[in-house]
Structure formats: structure tokens, C-alpha cells
């Protein structure tokens, strides 16, 4: 296993830790507030981006090192980026101004049921892109 494959594994684990800290801030001793705040959503989104990057790095360096990407792999990469973009758009809807149901701008952001479902759906699409990337190429010959 190459050093970059190990970096990919470590990056994926780091992304998982960031997601965990964003989802459950009380486990690290951070201040607990009511509801899910914007910093929590940002940390979850950044953690998932780091996790997807680490997974791509691991797959590329383990099975497809030095090989050009196939069409399926290029589509899978774009599918993952689309899933991440969708997750960011849904997760930050209140901050961007199209997800809030309250006319008061100073009100605390709110992560509702539909936002959580959209966030999860974007994560699933991005993860499917990684799986498609791993299965869609021609692996190098092992000798």
C-alpha cells in the first residue's frame, strides 16, 4: 500500500471525525444550544467533503495509480460533486435566504426535516459517485 493510499484512509477518518463533532458537539465538551446551528451544519458539510476527497484519493492510489480515468469514472466524479453541491445548497438554505420560514432575519437558523432529508440525500448521491468511481475503471495489473 502506498503512502498516498494511507493518507487517503487518514483523510477519510478525519472527515468522519469532523462529521461526528458537527453532529454531536456535546461529546467534545462544546457548548450545547437548542437545535442545530449553522456552524454545526458547516462542520458536517466540510467533514463530508473531506471524507469524499479521502475516499477518492484512496481508490485512485490503490487501484488506478497512473491510469487515465474512464468515462464512467469521470461521470462518477461529477456525480459526487453534484451531490456535495446539493448538500451545501440544502444545508445552508437558511443562511442563503431561501430556506427560512420566518420573515424575521435575526431569527436563529433552523434545520428542518426537509433540509435534513436533502442533506442526507446529497450525501448518499456523493457516496454512490465514489462507489461508481471504484467499480468503473480498469485496475492496474498486479504482479
C-alpha atoms as a PDB file:
ATOM      1  CA  UNK A   1       0.000   0.000   0.000  1.00  0.00           C
ATOM      2  CA  UNK A   2       1.441   3.361  -1.000  1.00  0.00           C
ATOM      3  CA  UNK A   3       1.835   6.365   1.258  1.00  0.00           C
ATOM      4  CA  UNK A   4      -0.882   8.267  -0.608  1.00  0.00           C
ATOM      5  CA  UNK A   5      -3.319   5.403  -0.027  1.00  0.00           C
ATOM      6  CA  UNK A   6      -2.612   5.677   3.680  1.00  0.00           C
ATOM      7  CA  UNK A   7      -3.121   9.447   3.505  1.00  0.00           C
ATOM      8  CA  UNK A   8      -6.476   8.742   1.809  1.00  0.00           C
ATOM      9  CA  UNK A   9      -7.507   6.469   4.674  1.00  0.00           C
ATOM     10  CA  UNK A  10      -6.424   9.028   7.269  1.00  0.00           C
ATOM     11  CA  UNK A  11      -8.261  11.803   5.408  1.00  0.00           C
ATOM     12  CA  UNK A  12     -11.426   9.726   5.272  1.00  0.00           C
ATOM     13  CA  UNK A  13     -11.235   9.068   9.013  1.00  0.00           C
ATOM     14  CA  UNK A  14     -10.624  12.780   9.669  1.00  0.00           C
ATOM     15  CA  UNK A  15     -13.765  13.587   7.674  1.00  0.00           C
ATOM     16  CA  UNK A  16     -15.731  11.105   9.767  1.00  0.00           C
ATOM     17  CA  UNK A  17     -14.459  12.712  12.967  1.00  0.00           C
ATOM     18  CA  UNK A  18     -15.473  16.164  11.706  1.00  0.00           C
ATOM     19  CA  UNK A  19     -18.951  14.883  10.858  1.00  0.00           C
ATOM     20  CA  UNK A  20     -19.242  13.316  14.306  1.00  0.00           C
ATOM     21  CA  UNK A  21     -18.150  16.517  16.057  1.00  0.00           C
ATOM     22  CA  UNK A  22     -20.604  18.544  13.961  1.00  0.00           C
ATOM     23  CA  UNK A  23     -23.487  16.199  14.655  1.00  0.00           C
ATOM     24  CA  UNK A  24     -22.765  15.663  18.356  1.00  0.00           C
ATOM     25  CA  UNK A  25     -20.857  18.680  19.724  1.00  0.00           C
ATOM     26  CA  UNK A  26     -21.546  17.733  23.352  1.00  0.00           C
ATOM     27  CA  UNK A  27     -19.174  14.756  23.099  1.00  0.00           C
ATOM     28  CA  UNK A  28     -16.226  17.147  22.786  1.00  0.00           C
ATOM     29  CA  UNK A  29     -17.396  19.466  25.554  1.00  0.00           C
ATOM     30  CA  UNK A  30     -18.561  22.241  23.250  1.00  0.00           C
ATOM     31  CA  UNK A  31     -21.454  24.431  24.338  1.00  0.00           C
ATOM     32  CA  UNK A  32     -24.844  22.886  23.710  1.00  0.00           C
ATOM     33  CA  UNK A  33     -27.518  25.128  22.227  1.00  0.00           C
ATOM     34  CA  UNK A  34     -31.067  24.331  21.272  1.00  0.00           C
ATOM     35  CA  UNK A  35     -31.413  22.966  17.752  1.00  0.00           C
ATOM     36  CA  UNK A  36     -28.789  22.614  15.067  1.00  0.00           C
ATOM     37  CA  UNK A  37     -26.772  25.746  14.402  1.00  0.00           C
ATOM     38  CA  UNK A  38     -25.128  26.962  11.244  1.00  0.00           C
ATOM     39  CA  UNK A  39     -21.644  26.097  12.494  1.00  0.00           C
ATOM     40  CA  UNK A  40     -22.739  22.537  13.104  1.00  0.00           C
ATOM     41  CA  UNK A  41     -24.107  22.273   9.575  1.00  0.00           C
ATOM     42  CA  UNK A  42     -20.922  23.790   8.153  1.00  0.00           C
ATOM     43  CA  UNK A  43     -18.751  21.357  10.092  1.00  0.00           C
ATOM     44  CA  UNK A  44     -20.828  18.407   8.898  1.00  0.00           C
ATOM     45  CA  UNK A  45     -20.592  19.594   5.290  1.00  0.00           C
ATOM     46  CA  UNK A  46     -16.849  20.228   5.475  1.00  0.00           C
ATOM     47  CA  UNK A  47     -16.356  16.830   7.117  1.00  0.00           C
ATOM     48  CA  UNK A  48     -18.233  15.104   4.354  1.00  0.00           C
ATOM     49  CA  UNK A  49     -16.202  16.915   1.683  1.00  0.00           C
ATOM     50  CA  UNK A  50     -13.004  15.792   3.401  1.00  0.00           C
ATOM     51  CA  UNK A  51     -14.365  12.244   3.636  1.00  0.00           C
ATOM     52  CA  UNK A  52     -15.268  12.096  -0.064  1.00  0.00           C
ATOM     53  CA  UNK A  53     -11.854  13.514  -1.041  1.00  0.00           C
ATOM     54  CA  UNK A  54     -10.102  10.900   1.110  1.00  0.00           C
ATOM     55  CA  UNK A  55     -12.162   8.104  -0.396  1.00  0.00           C
ATOM     56  CA  UNK A  56     -11.316   9.247  -3.931  1.00  0.00           C
ATOM     57  CA  UNK A  57      -7.636   9.524  -3.024  1.00  0.00           C
ATOM     58  CA  UNK A  58      -7.629   6.020  -1.567  1.00  0.00           C
ATOM     59  CA  UNK A  59      -9.384   4.450  -4.562  1.00  0.00           C
ATOM     60  CA  UNK A  60      -7.215   6.283  -7.090  1.00  0.00           C
ATOM     61  CA  UNK A  61      -3.914   5.446  -5.405  1.00  0.00           C
ATOM     62  CA  UNK A  62      -4.814   1.851  -4.566  1.00  0.00           C
ATOM     63  CA  UNK A  63      -6.376   0.569  -7.780  1.00  0.00           C
ATOM     64  CA  UNK A  64      -5.927   3.133 -10.541  1.00  0.00           C
ATOM     65  CA  UNK A  65      -2.497   4.694  -9.955  1.00  0.00           C
ATOM     66  CA  UNK A  66      -1.038   6.044 -13.173  1.00  0.00           C
ATOM     67  CA  UNK A  67      -4.091   5.178 -15.253  1.00  0.00           C
ATOM     68  CA  UNK A  68      -6.313   7.682 -17.038  1.00  0.00           C
ATOM     69  CA  UNK A  69      -9.896   7.918 -15.882  1.00  0.00           C
ATOM     70  CA  UNK A  70     -12.568   6.145 -17.869  1.00  0.00           C
ATOM     71  CA  UNK A  71     -15.794   7.833 -18.917  1.00  0.00           C
ATOM     72  CA  UNK A  72     -17.676   6.136 -16.077  1.00  0.00           C
ATOM     73  CA  UNK A  73     -15.134   7.422 -13.562  1.00  0.00           C
ATOM     74  CA  UNK A  74     -15.426  10.960 -14.914  1.00  0.00           C
ATOM     75  CA  UNK A  75     -19.208  10.769 -14.624  1.00  0.00           C
ATOM     76  CA  UNK A  76     -18.882   9.357 -11.088  1.00  0.00           C
ATOM     77  CA  UNK A  77     -16.623  12.235 -10.052  1.00  0.00           C
ATOM     78  CA  UNK A  78     -19.134  14.755 -11.355  1.00  0.00           C
ATOM     79  CA  UNK A  79     -21.971  12.876  -9.670  1.00  0.00           C
ATOM     80  CA  UNK A  80     -20.187  13.161  -6.324  1.00  0.00           C
ATOM     81  CA  UNK A  81     -19.532  16.849  -6.777  1.00  0.00           C
ATOM     82  CA  UNK A  82     -23.189  17.380  -7.692  1.00  0.00           C
ATOM     83  CA  UNK A  83     -24.269  15.535  -4.539  1.00  0.00           C
ATOM     84  CA  UNK A  84     -21.954  17.695  -2.431  1.00  0.00           C
ATOM     85  CA  UNK A  85     -23.217  20.867  -4.089  1.00  0.00           C
ATOM     86  CA  UNK A  86     -26.816  19.813  -3.449  1.00  0.00           C
ATOM     87  CA  UNK A  87     -25.973  19.094   0.198  1.00  0.00           C
ATOM     88  CA  UNK A  88     -24.375  22.514   0.590  1.00  0.00           C
ATOM     89  CA  UNK A  89     -27.341  24.243  -1.048  1.00  0.00           C
ATOM     90  CA  UNK A  90     -29.871  22.443   1.139  1.00  0.00           C
ATOM     91  CA  UNK A  91     -27.834  22.594   4.347  1.00  0.00           C
ATOM     92  CA  UNK A  92     -27.153  26.312   4.041  1.00  0.00           C
ATOM     93  CA  UNK A  93     -30.618  27.253   2.769  1.00  0.00           C
ATOM     94  CA  UNK A  94     -31.400  29.415   5.796  1.00  0.00           C
ATOM     95  CA  UNK A  95     -28.108  31.232   5.531  1.00  0.00           C
ATOM     96  CA  UNK A  96     -28.596  31.793   1.796  1.00  0.00           C
ATOM     97  CA  UNK A  97     -32.107  33.097   2.404  1.00  0.00           C
ATOM     98  CA  UNK A  98     -34.385  30.637   0.658  1.00  0.00           C
ATOM     99  CA  UNK A  99     -34.964  28.068   3.393  1.00  0.00           C
ATOM    100  CA  UNK A 100     -36.305  30.134   6.236  1.00  0.00           C
ATOM    101  CA  UNK A 101     -39.984  30.058   7.051  1.00  0.00           C
ATOM    102  CA  UNK A 102     -39.811  33.059   9.332  1.00  0.00           C
ATOM    103  CA  UNK A 103     -39.823  36.611   7.971  1.00  0.00           C
ATOM    104  CA  UNK A 104     -37.561  37.764  10.838  1.00  0.00           C
ATOM    105  CA  UNK A 105     -33.976  37.894   9.563  1.00  0.00           C
ATOM    106  CA  UNK A 106     -32.493  37.925  13.061  1.00  0.00           C
ATOM    107  CA  UNK A 107     -34.143  34.606  13.972  1.00  0.00           C
ATOM    108  CA  UNK A 108     -31.955  31.596  14.650  1.00  0.00           C
ATOM    109  CA  UNK A 109     -31.393  29.267  11.726  1.00  0.00           C
ATOM    110  CA  UNK A 110     -33.441  26.110  11.712  1.00  0.00           C
ATOM    111  CA  UNK A 111     -32.530  22.740  10.220  1.00  0.00           C
ATOM    112  CA  UNK A 112     -35.902  21.267   9.378  1.00  0.00           C
ATOM    113  CA  UNK A 113     -36.986  17.814   8.316  1.00  0.00           C
ATOM    114  CA  UNK A 114     -36.811  18.587   4.592  1.00  0.00           C
ATOM    115  CA  UNK A 115     -33.368  20.137   4.934  1.00  0.00           C
ATOM    116  CA  UNK A 116     -32.080  17.121   6.839  1.00  0.00           C
ATOM    117  CA  UNK A 117     -33.531  14.792   4.203  1.00  0.00           C
ATOM    118  CA  UNK A 118     -31.960  16.823   1.402  1.00  0.00           C
ATOM    119  CA  UNK A 119     -28.625  16.901   3.214  1.00  0.00           C
ATOM    120  CA  UNK A 120     -28.708  13.126   3.639  1.00  0.00           C
ATOM    121  CA  UNK A 121     -29.816  12.618   0.036  1.00  0.00           C
ATOM    122  CA  UNK A 122     -26.903  14.678  -1.257  1.00  0.00           C
ATOM    123  CA  UNK A 123     -24.519  12.652   0.897  1.00  0.00           C
ATOM    124  CA  UNK A 124     -25.943   9.410  -0.495  1.00  0.00           C
ATOM    125  CA  UNK A 125     -25.551  10.648  -4.095  1.00  0.00           C
ATOM    126  CA  UNK A 126     -21.944  11.686  -3.415  1.00  0.00           C
ATOM    127  CA  UNK A 127     -21.196   8.318  -1.829  1.00  0.00           C
ATOM    128  CA  UNK A 128     -22.717   6.493  -4.782  1.00  0.00           C
ATOM    129  CA  UNK A 129     -20.377   8.508  -7.003  1.00  0.00           C
ATOM    130  CA  UNK A 130     -17.380   7.178  -5.052  1.00  0.00           C
ATOM    131  CA  UNK A 131     -18.652   3.602  -5.367  1.00  0.00           C
ATOM    132  CA  UNK A 132     -19.250   4.066  -9.086  1.00  0.00           C
ATOM    133  CA  UNK A 133     -15.733   5.503  -9.430  1.00  0.00           C
ATOM    134  CA  UNK A 134     -14.252   2.453  -7.705  1.00  0.00           C
ATOM    135  CA  UNK A 135     -16.187  -0.027  -9.834  1.00  0.00           C
ATOM    136  CA  UNK A 136     -15.988   1.801 -13.154  1.00  0.00           C
ATOM    137  CA  UNK A 137     -12.322   1.645 -14.053  1.00  0.00           C
ATOM    138  CA  UNK A 138      -9.730  -0.761 -15.326  1.00  0.00           C
ATOM    139  CA  UNK A 139      -7.470  -1.704 -12.403  1.00  0.00           C
ATOM    140  CA  UNK A 140      -3.753  -1.927 -12.915  1.00  0.00           C
ATOM    141  CA  UNK A 141      -2.149  -5.334 -13.339  1.00  0.00           C
ATOM    142  CA  UNK A 142      -0.927  -6.804 -10.086  1.00  0.00           C
ATOM    143  CA  UNK A 143       2.335  -8.686 -10.484  1.00  0.00           C
END
